[in-house]
Amino acid sequence: MHITRNGINTTKGPGEWFTGTVYIDAVAAPASSSRLSANSVHFTPGARTAWHKHPNGQTIFVTEGVGLAQRRGGPIEVIHPGDRVFFEPGEDHWHGAAPTRFMTHIAMLDVDDKGNSATWGDHVSDAEYAAAPAVEEA
C-alpha cells in the first residue's frame, strides 16, 4: 500500500498538447505493477486538447461544466457532468470546454508497456472547433 498525501501541485497543460489554458491535477500515476494514469483536467472556456490517440484507449468522465468531444471523422458531441466517453485504442480524437463554459473531466487510461500514454498530433483548428453544435445554457 502506498498513500500519497495531499501535496500534489496543479500543473499547467503544455502548449504542445492544448489550445487555451488548461490545468491538470494528477489523480493516479503508473508505478510498479500499475499502468493506470488518471488526471483531473480543468479546461477554461474554449480550451481543448490537440488531436491525439492512446495506445490502450481512454475514458473521460465529466465532473463539471460543459464540454465537447470528437473522434476523427465523427460529429462533435456536447458532453455534460456525469457523461462518460470512451475512446478506442488508437482512435484519433480531441476533447475540451465549450466556447463559453468551463469543463472538468477525469481522464483515465492505461499506459503501454513502454510507459507511453498518448501520441499527440496537430492542434484542433479554430474552424474545426467552430463546427461544434450550439451549447444550450442550463
N, C-alpha and C. Protein backbone atom coordinates (compact mmCIF):
# COMPACT_ATOMS: atom_id res chain seq x y z
N MET A 1 0.85 -1.18 0.00
CA MET A 1 0.00 0.00 0.00
C MET A 1 0.89 1.23 0.00
N HIS A 2 0.46 2.24 -0.78
CA HIS A 2 1.20 3.49 -0.84
C HIS A 2 0.20 4.63 -0.80
N ILE A 3 0.36 5.53 0.15
CA ILE A 3 -0.52 6.69 0.28
C ILE A 3 0.26 7.92 -0.15
N THR A 4 -0.33 8.69 -1.07
CA THR A 4 0.23 9.98 -1.45
C THR A 4 -0.63 11.03 -0.79
N ARG A 5 -0.07 11.73 0.16
CA ARG A 5 -0.82 12.75 0.88
C ARG A 5 -1.05 13.96 -0.01
N ASN A 6 -2.11 14.69 0.29
CA ASN A 6 -2.42 15.90 -0.46
C ASN A 6 -1.19 16.79 -0.48
N GLY A 7 -0.68 17.08 -1.61
CA GLY A 7 0.52 17.87 -1.76
C GLY A 7 0.98 17.86 -3.20
N ILE A 8 0.16 17.26 -4.05
CA ILE A 8 0.47 17.25 -5.48
C ILE A 8 0.04 18.60 -6.05
N ASN A 9 0.95 19.25 -6.71
CA ASN A 9 0.66 20.58 -7.24
C ASN A 9 -0.08 20.52 -8.57
N THR A 10 -0.96 21.48 -8.79
CA THR A 10 -1.61 21.66 -10.07
C THR A 10 -0.57 22.13 -11.07
N THR A 11 -0.59 21.55 -12.27
CA THR A 11 0.34 21.98 -13.32
C THR A 11 -0.45 22.54 -14.49
N LYS A 12 0.17 23.43 -15.23
CA LYS A 12 -0.45 23.99 -16.43
C LYS A 12 -0.21 23.02 -17.57
N GLY A 13 -1.25 22.77 -18.36
CA GLY A 13 -1.13 21.88 -19.50
C GLY A 13 -0.19 22.46 -20.55
N PRO A 14 0.70 21.63 -21.11
CA PRO A 14 1.67 22.13 -22.08
C PRO A 14 1.03 22.59 -23.39
N GLY A 15 1.57 23.65 -23.95
CA GLY A 15 1.07 24.22 -25.20
C GLY A 15 1.13 23.27 -26.37
N GLU A 16 2.01 22.27 -26.31
CA GLU A 16 2.09 21.29 -27.40
C GLU A 16 0.85 20.39 -27.42
N TRP A 17 0.19 20.25 -26.29
CA TRP A 17 -0.95 19.34 -26.16
C TRP A 17 -2.29 20.07 -26.17
N PHE A 18 -2.31 21.36 -25.84
CA PHE A 18 -3.56 22.08 -25.63
C PHE A 18 -3.58 23.43 -26.34
N THR A 19 -4.79 23.83 -26.73
CA THR A 19 -5.08 25.20 -27.16
C THR A 19 -5.83 25.84 -26.01
N GLY A 20 -5.42 27.03 -25.58
CA GLY A 20 -6.07 27.69 -24.46
C GLY A 20 -5.43 27.27 -23.14
N THR A 21 -6.03 27.71 -22.06
CA THR A 21 -5.48 27.46 -20.73
C THR A 21 -6.14 26.25 -20.09
N VAL A 22 -5.29 25.30 -19.70
CA VAL A 22 -5.74 24.03 -19.12
C VAL A 22 -4.87 23.75 -17.90
N TYR A 23 -5.49 23.24 -16.84
CA TYR A 23 -4.76 22.87 -15.63
C TYR A 23 -4.99 21.40 -15.33
N ILE A 24 -3.95 20.75 -14.82
CA ILE A 24 -4.01 19.31 -14.59
C ILE A 24 -3.64 18.98 -13.14
N ASP A 25 -4.47 18.16 -12.50
CA ASP A 25 -4.19 17.61 -11.18
C ASP A 25 -4.02 16.10 -11.33
N ALA A 26 -2.87 15.57 -10.95
CA ALA A 26 -2.64 14.13 -11.03
C ALA A 26 -3.50 13.42 -10.00
N VAL A 27 -4.19 12.36 -10.43
CA VAL A 27 -5.01 11.54 -9.54
C VAL A 27 -4.31 10.20 -9.29
N ALA A 28 -3.80 9.58 -10.37
CA ALA A 28 -3.08 8.32 -10.27
C ALA A 28 -1.98 8.31 -11.31
N ALA A 29 -0.82 7.80 -10.93
CA ALA A 29 0.33 7.72 -11.85
C ALA A 29 0.81 6.29 -11.91
N PRO A 30 1.21 5.84 -13.11
CA PRO A 30 1.73 4.48 -13.22
C PRO A 30 2.91 4.27 -12.28
N ALA A 31 2.91 3.14 -11.59
CA ALA A 31 4.01 2.81 -10.67
C ALA A 31 4.05 1.31 -10.48
N SER A 32 5.22 0.76 -10.43
CA SER A 32 5.48 -0.68 -10.29
C SER A 32 4.51 -1.51 -11.15
N SER A 33 3.56 -2.21 -10.56
CA SER A 33 2.71 -3.10 -11.34
C SER A 33 1.46 -2.42 -11.91
N SER A 34 1.20 -1.18 -11.56
CA SER A 34 0.01 -0.48 -12.06
C SER A 34 0.36 0.32 -13.31
N ARG A 35 -0.50 0.24 -14.32
CA ARG A 35 -0.32 1.01 -15.55
C ARG A 35 -1.34 2.13 -15.66
N LEU A 36 -2.10 2.36 -14.57
CA LEU A 36 -3.17 3.35 -14.58
C LEU A 36 -2.64 4.77 -14.46
N SER A 37 -3.10 5.62 -15.36
CA SER A 37 -2.86 7.06 -15.28
C SER A 37 -4.22 7.73 -15.23
N ALA A 38 -4.41 8.63 -14.27
CA ALA A 38 -5.67 9.38 -14.18
C ALA A 38 -5.36 10.80 -13.76
N ASN A 39 -6.03 11.75 -14.43
CA ASN A 39 -5.83 13.16 -14.14
C ASN A 39 -7.17 13.87 -14.14
N SER A 40 -7.30 14.84 -13.25
CA SER A 40 -8.42 15.76 -13.28
C SER A 40 -7.96 16.93 -14.13
N VAL A 41 -8.64 17.14 -15.25
CA VAL A 41 -8.20 18.15 -16.23
C VAL A 41 -9.24 19.27 -16.27
N HIS A 42 -8.78 20.50 -16.04
CA HIS A 42 -9.64 21.67 -15.93
C HIS A 42 -9.42 22.56 -17.15
N PHE A 43 -10.45 22.68 -18.00
CA PHE A 43 -10.37 23.47 -19.23
C PHE A 43 -11.10 24.80 -19.02
N THR A 44 -10.45 25.90 -19.37
CA THR A 44 -11.13 27.19 -19.38
C THR A 44 -11.98 27.28 -20.65
N PRO A 45 -12.95 28.20 -20.72
CA PRO A 45 -13.81 28.27 -21.90
C PRO A 45 -12.99 28.33 -23.20
N GLY A 46 -13.35 27.47 -24.14
CA GLY A 46 -12.69 27.42 -25.44
C GLY A 46 -11.41 26.59 -25.48
N ALA A 47 -10.89 26.18 -24.33
CA ALA A 47 -9.66 25.39 -24.30
C ALA A 47 -9.95 23.96 -24.72
N ARG A 48 -8.96 23.32 -25.34
CA ARG A 48 -9.17 21.97 -25.85
C ARG A 48 -7.84 21.28 -26.06
N THR A 49 -7.89 19.95 -26.16
CA THR A 49 -6.70 19.19 -26.48
C THR A 49 -6.38 19.33 -27.96
N ALA A 50 -5.17 18.94 -28.32
CA ALA A 50 -4.84 18.74 -29.73
C ALA A 50 -5.41 17.37 -30.12
N TRP A 51 -5.42 17.07 -31.41
CA TRP A 51 -5.76 15.71 -31.84
C TRP A 51 -4.75 14.76 -31.21
N HIS A 52 -5.21 13.64 -30.72
CA HIS A 52 -4.30 12.67 -30.11
C HIS A 52 -4.96 11.30 -30.05
N LYS A 53 -4.16 10.28 -29.73
CA LYS A 53 -4.67 8.92 -29.57
C LYS A 53 -3.90 8.23 -28.46
N HIS A 54 -4.51 7.20 -27.91
CA HIS A 54 -3.94 6.45 -26.79
C HIS A 54 -3.76 4.99 -27.17
N PRO A 55 -2.62 4.39 -26.81
CA PRO A 55 -2.38 3.00 -27.22
C PRO A 55 -3.39 2.01 -26.64
N ASN A 56 -3.92 2.29 -25.45
CA ASN A 56 -4.88 1.39 -24.81
C ASN A 56 -6.24 2.04 -24.61
N GLY A 57 -6.53 3.09 -25.36
CA GLY A 57 -7.80 3.79 -25.22
C GLY A 57 -7.79 4.75 -24.04
N GLN A 58 -8.89 5.48 -23.89
CA GLN A 58 -9.03 6.46 -22.81
C GLN A 58 -10.50 6.61 -22.46
N THR A 59 -10.76 6.75 -21.17
CA THR A 59 -12.09 7.10 -20.69
C THR A 59 -12.00 8.47 -20.05
N ILE A 60 -12.96 9.35 -20.39
CA ILE A 60 -13.08 10.62 -19.67
C ILE A 60 -14.45 10.63 -19.00
N PHE A 61 -14.48 11.18 -17.79
CA PHE A 61 -15.72 11.30 -17.02
C PHE A 61 -15.87 12.77 -16.65
N VAL A 62 -16.91 13.41 -17.18
CA VAL A 62 -17.12 14.84 -16.96
C VAL A 62 -17.67 15.06 -15.56
N THR A 63 -16.99 15.93 -14.79
CA THR A 63 -17.41 16.20 -13.42
C THR A 63 -18.10 17.56 -13.27
N GLU A 64 -17.78 18.51 -14.16
CA GLU A 64 -18.47 19.80 -14.08
C GLU A 64 -18.33 20.56 -15.39
N GLY A 65 -19.26 21.48 -15.61
CA GLY A 65 -19.22 22.32 -16.79
C GLY A 65 -19.84 21.67 -18.01
N VAL A 66 -19.48 22.21 -19.18
CA VAL A 66 -19.97 21.70 -20.46
C VAL A 66 -18.79 21.58 -21.39
N GLY A 67 -18.70 20.43 -22.06
CA GLY A 67 -17.56 20.20 -22.93
C GLY A 67 -17.95 19.72 -24.30
N LEU A 68 -16.92 19.48 -25.10
CA LEU A 68 -17.07 18.98 -26.46
C LEU A 68 -16.09 17.83 -26.64
N ALA A 69 -16.46 16.86 -27.46
CA ALA A 69 -15.58 15.74 -27.77
C ALA A 69 -15.85 15.29 -29.20
N GLN A 70 -14.77 14.86 -29.87
CA GLN A 70 -14.93 14.40 -31.25
C GLN A 70 -13.89 13.35 -31.57
N ARG A 71 -14.31 12.30 -32.27
CA ARG A 71 -13.37 11.36 -32.86
C ARG A 71 -13.19 11.77 -34.31
N ARG A 72 -12.03 11.50 -34.87
CA ARG A 72 -11.74 11.89 -36.25
C ARG A 72 -12.81 11.31 -37.18
N GLY A 73 -13.42 12.20 -37.98
CA GLY A 73 -14.45 11.78 -38.93
C GLY A 73 -15.84 11.72 -38.37
N GLY A 74 -15.99 11.91 -37.05
CA GLY A 74 -17.31 11.85 -36.42
C GLY A 74 -17.82 13.25 -36.08
N PRO A 75 -19.06 13.33 -35.61
CA PRO A 75 -19.61 14.63 -35.22
C PRO A 75 -19.01 15.10 -33.89
N ILE A 76 -19.03 16.39 -33.66
CA ILE A 76 -18.64 16.94 -32.37
C ILE A 76 -19.82 16.74 -31.43
N GLU A 77 -19.56 16.13 -30.28
CA GLU A 77 -20.61 15.84 -29.30
C GLU A 77 -20.48 16.80 -28.12
N VAL A 78 -21.61 17.28 -27.61
CA VAL A 78 -21.65 18.09 -26.40
C VAL A 78 -21.72 17.12 -25.21
N ILE A 79 -20.86 17.34 -24.21
CA ILE A 79 -20.82 16.45 -23.04
C ILE A 79 -21.05 17.26 -21.76
N HIS A 80 -21.71 16.60 -20.80
CA HIS A 80 -22.15 17.25 -19.56
C HIS A 80 -21.71 16.44 -18.34
N PRO A 81 -21.81 17.02 -17.13
CA PRO A 81 -21.47 16.28 -15.92
C PRO A 81 -22.20 14.94 -15.86
N GLY A 82 -21.44 13.90 -15.51
CA GLY A 82 -21.98 12.56 -15.45
C GLY A 82 -21.80 11.77 -16.73
N ASP A 83 -21.49 12.45 -17.84
CA ASP A 83 -21.25 11.75 -19.10
C ASP A 83 -19.88 11.08 -19.06
N ARG A 84 -19.82 9.87 -19.61
CA ARG A 84 -18.58 9.11 -19.70
C ARG A 84 -18.34 8.82 -21.17
N VAL A 85 -17.13 9.15 -21.65
CA VAL A 85 -16.77 8.95 -23.05
C VAL A 85 -15.58 8.00 -23.10
N PHE A 86 -15.69 6.95 -23.92
CA PHE A 86 -14.57 6.04 -24.13
C PHE A 86 -14.07 6.20 -25.56
N PHE A 87 -12.78 6.44 -25.70
CA PHE A 87 -12.12 6.49 -27.00
C PHE A 87 -11.36 5.18 -27.17
N GLU A 88 -11.60 4.50 -28.28
CA GLU A 88 -10.98 3.20 -28.56
C GLU A 88 -9.45 3.34 -28.67
N PRO A 89 -8.71 2.27 -28.44
CA PRO A 89 -7.26 2.32 -28.66
C PRO A 89 -6.94 2.76 -30.08
N GLY A 90 -6.04 3.74 -30.20
CA GLY A 90 -5.62 4.25 -31.49
C GLY A 90 -6.61 5.18 -32.17
N GLU A 91 -7.75 5.48 -31.52
CA GLU A 91 -8.75 6.36 -32.12
C GLU A 91 -8.33 7.83 -31.97
N ASP A 92 -8.15 8.51 -33.09
CA ASP A 92 -7.75 9.91 -33.09
C ASP A 92 -8.93 10.75 -32.61
N HIS A 93 -8.70 11.64 -31.64
CA HIS A 93 -9.80 12.39 -31.05
C HIS A 93 -9.29 13.66 -30.36
N TRP A 94 -10.23 14.49 -29.93
CA TRP A 94 -9.93 15.65 -29.09
C TRP A 94 -11.12 15.86 -28.15
N HIS A 95 -10.89 16.64 -27.09
CA HIS A 95 -11.95 17.00 -26.15
C HIS A 95 -11.55 18.29 -25.45
N GLY A 96 -12.55 19.01 -24.97
CA GLY A 96 -12.27 20.27 -24.29
C GLY A 96 -13.54 20.96 -23.84
N ALA A 97 -13.40 22.22 -23.46
CA ALA A 97 -14.53 23.01 -22.95
C ALA A 97 -15.33 23.61 -24.10
N ALA A 98 -16.59 23.87 -23.82
CA ALA A 98 -17.44 24.61 -24.75
C ALA A 98 -16.92 26.06 -24.81
N PRO A 99 -17.31 26.81 -25.84
CA PRO A 99 -16.77 28.17 -26.00
C PRO A 99 -17.01 29.12 -24.83
N THR A 100 -18.13 28.95 -24.14
CA THR A 100 -18.47 29.90 -23.07
C THR A 100 -18.56 29.25 -21.70
N ARG A 101 -18.05 28.02 -21.56
CA ARG A 101 -18.17 27.31 -20.30
C ARG A 101 -16.86 26.65 -19.90
N PHE A 102 -16.59 26.58 -18.61
CA PHE A 102 -15.50 25.77 -18.10
C PHE A 102 -15.93 24.30 -18.20
N MET A 103 -14.96 23.38 -18.19
CA MET A 103 -15.28 21.96 -18.15
C MET A 103 -14.14 21.24 -17.44
N THR A 104 -14.50 20.33 -16.55
CA THR A 104 -13.51 19.48 -15.88
C THR A 104 -13.90 18.03 -16.11
N HIS A 105 -12.90 17.22 -16.43
CA HIS A 105 -13.14 15.78 -16.53
C HIS A 105 -11.98 15.03 -15.88
N ILE A 106 -12.28 13.80 -15.50
CA ILE A 106 -11.24 12.87 -15.05
C ILE A 106 -10.86 12.05 -16.28
N ALA A 107 -9.59 12.09 -16.66
CA ALA A 107 -9.08 11.32 -17.80
C ALA A 107 -8.37 10.09 -17.26
N MET A 108 -8.80 8.91 -17.72
CA MET A 108 -8.25 7.64 -17.22
C MET A 108 -7.78 6.78 -18.38
N LEU A 109 -6.59 6.19 -18.22
CA LEU A 109 -6.05 5.32 -19.26
C LEU A 109 -4.98 4.42 -18.68
N ASP A 110 -4.65 3.38 -19.42
CA ASP A 110 -3.52 2.51 -19.11
C ASP A 110 -2.40 2.84 -20.08
N VAL A 111 -1.21 3.08 -19.55
CA VAL A 111 -0.05 3.32 -20.41
C VAL A 111 0.35 1.99 -21.06
N ASP A 112 1.12 2.08 -22.14
CA ASP A 112 1.57 0.84 -22.79
C ASP A 112 2.79 0.27 -22.06
N ASP A 113 3.35 -0.81 -22.60
CA ASP A 113 4.48 -1.49 -21.95
C ASP A 113 5.72 -0.62 -21.79
N LYS A 114 5.81 0.45 -22.59
CA LYS A 114 6.97 1.36 -22.51
C LYS A 114 6.65 2.61 -21.70
N GLY A 115 5.44 2.68 -21.14
CA GLY A 115 5.05 3.83 -20.33
C GLY A 115 4.43 4.97 -21.12
N ASN A 116 4.18 4.76 -22.41
CA ASN A 116 3.59 5.81 -23.25
C ASN A 116 2.09 5.90 -23.02
N SER A 117 1.61 7.13 -22.86
CA SER A 117 0.17 7.31 -22.63
C SER A 117 -0.56 7.84 -23.85
N ALA A 118 0.13 8.59 -24.72
CA ALA A 118 -0.55 9.23 -25.85
C ALA A 118 0.44 9.57 -26.95
N THR A 119 -0.11 9.66 -28.15
CA THR A 119 0.61 10.22 -29.30
C THR A 119 -0.13 11.48 -29.69
N TRP A 120 0.57 12.60 -29.68
CA TRP A 120 -0.05 13.90 -29.92
C TRP A 120 0.12 14.32 -31.37
N GLY A 121 -0.93 14.94 -31.93
CA GLY A 121 -0.92 15.41 -33.31
C GLY A 121 -1.11 16.90 -33.39
N ASP A 122 -1.71 17.33 -34.49
CA ASP A 122 -1.94 18.75 -34.76
C ASP A 122 -2.97 19.32 -33.79
N HIS A 123 -2.88 20.63 -33.60
CA HIS A 123 -3.91 21.31 -32.81
C HIS A 123 -5.22 21.34 -33.58
N VAL A 124 -6.32 21.28 -32.85
CA VAL A 124 -7.64 21.42 -33.44
C VAL A 124 -7.75 22.88 -33.90
N SER A 125 -8.02 23.08 -35.16
CA SER A 125 -8.07 24.44 -35.70
C SER A 125 -9.31 25.17 -35.18
N ASP A 126 -9.28 26.49 -35.24
CA ASP A 126 -10.44 27.28 -34.84
C ASP A 126 -11.64 26.92 -35.70
N ALA A 127 -11.42 26.65 -36.99
CA ALA A 127 -12.53 26.28 -37.88
C ALA A 127 -13.12 24.93 -37.48
N GLU A 128 -12.27 23.95 -37.16
CA GLU A 128 -12.77 22.65 -36.70
C GLU A 128 -13.59 22.82 -35.42
N TYR A 129 -13.05 23.60 -34.47
CA TYR A 129 -13.71 23.82 -33.18
C TYR A 129 -15.04 24.55 -33.37
N ALA A 130 -15.07 25.52 -34.29
CA ALA A 130 -16.27 26.32 -34.53
C ALA A 130 -17.41 25.51 -35.14
N ALA A 131 -17.11 24.30 -35.63
CA ALA A 131 -18.15 23.44 -36.22
C ALA A 131 -19.00 22.75 -35.16
N ALA A 132 -18.72 23.00 -33.89
CA ALA A 132 -19.47 22.36 -32.80
C ALA A 132 -20.91 22.84 -32.80
N PRO A 133 -21.84 21.97 -32.39
CA PRO A 133 -23.24 22.41 -32.27
C PRO A 133 -23.37 23.45 -31.16
N ALA A 134 -24.42 24.22 -31.23
CA ALA A 134 -24.68 25.23 -30.20
C ALA A 134 -24.85 24.52 -28.84
N VAL A 135 -24.32 25.14 -27.81
CA VAL A 135 -24.42 24.60 -26.45
C VAL A 135 -25.55 25.32 -25.75
N GLU A 136 -26.53 24.55 -25.29
CA GLU A 136 -27.65 25.16 -24.55
C GLU A 136 -27.21 25.46 -23.14
N GLU A 137 -27.51 26.65 -22.68
CA GLU A 137 -27.18 27.04 -21.30
C GLU A 137 -28.19 26.41 -20.35
N ALA A 138 -27.70 25.91 -19.24
CA ALA A 138 -28.59 25.27 -18.26
C ALA A 138 -29.22 26.30 -17.35
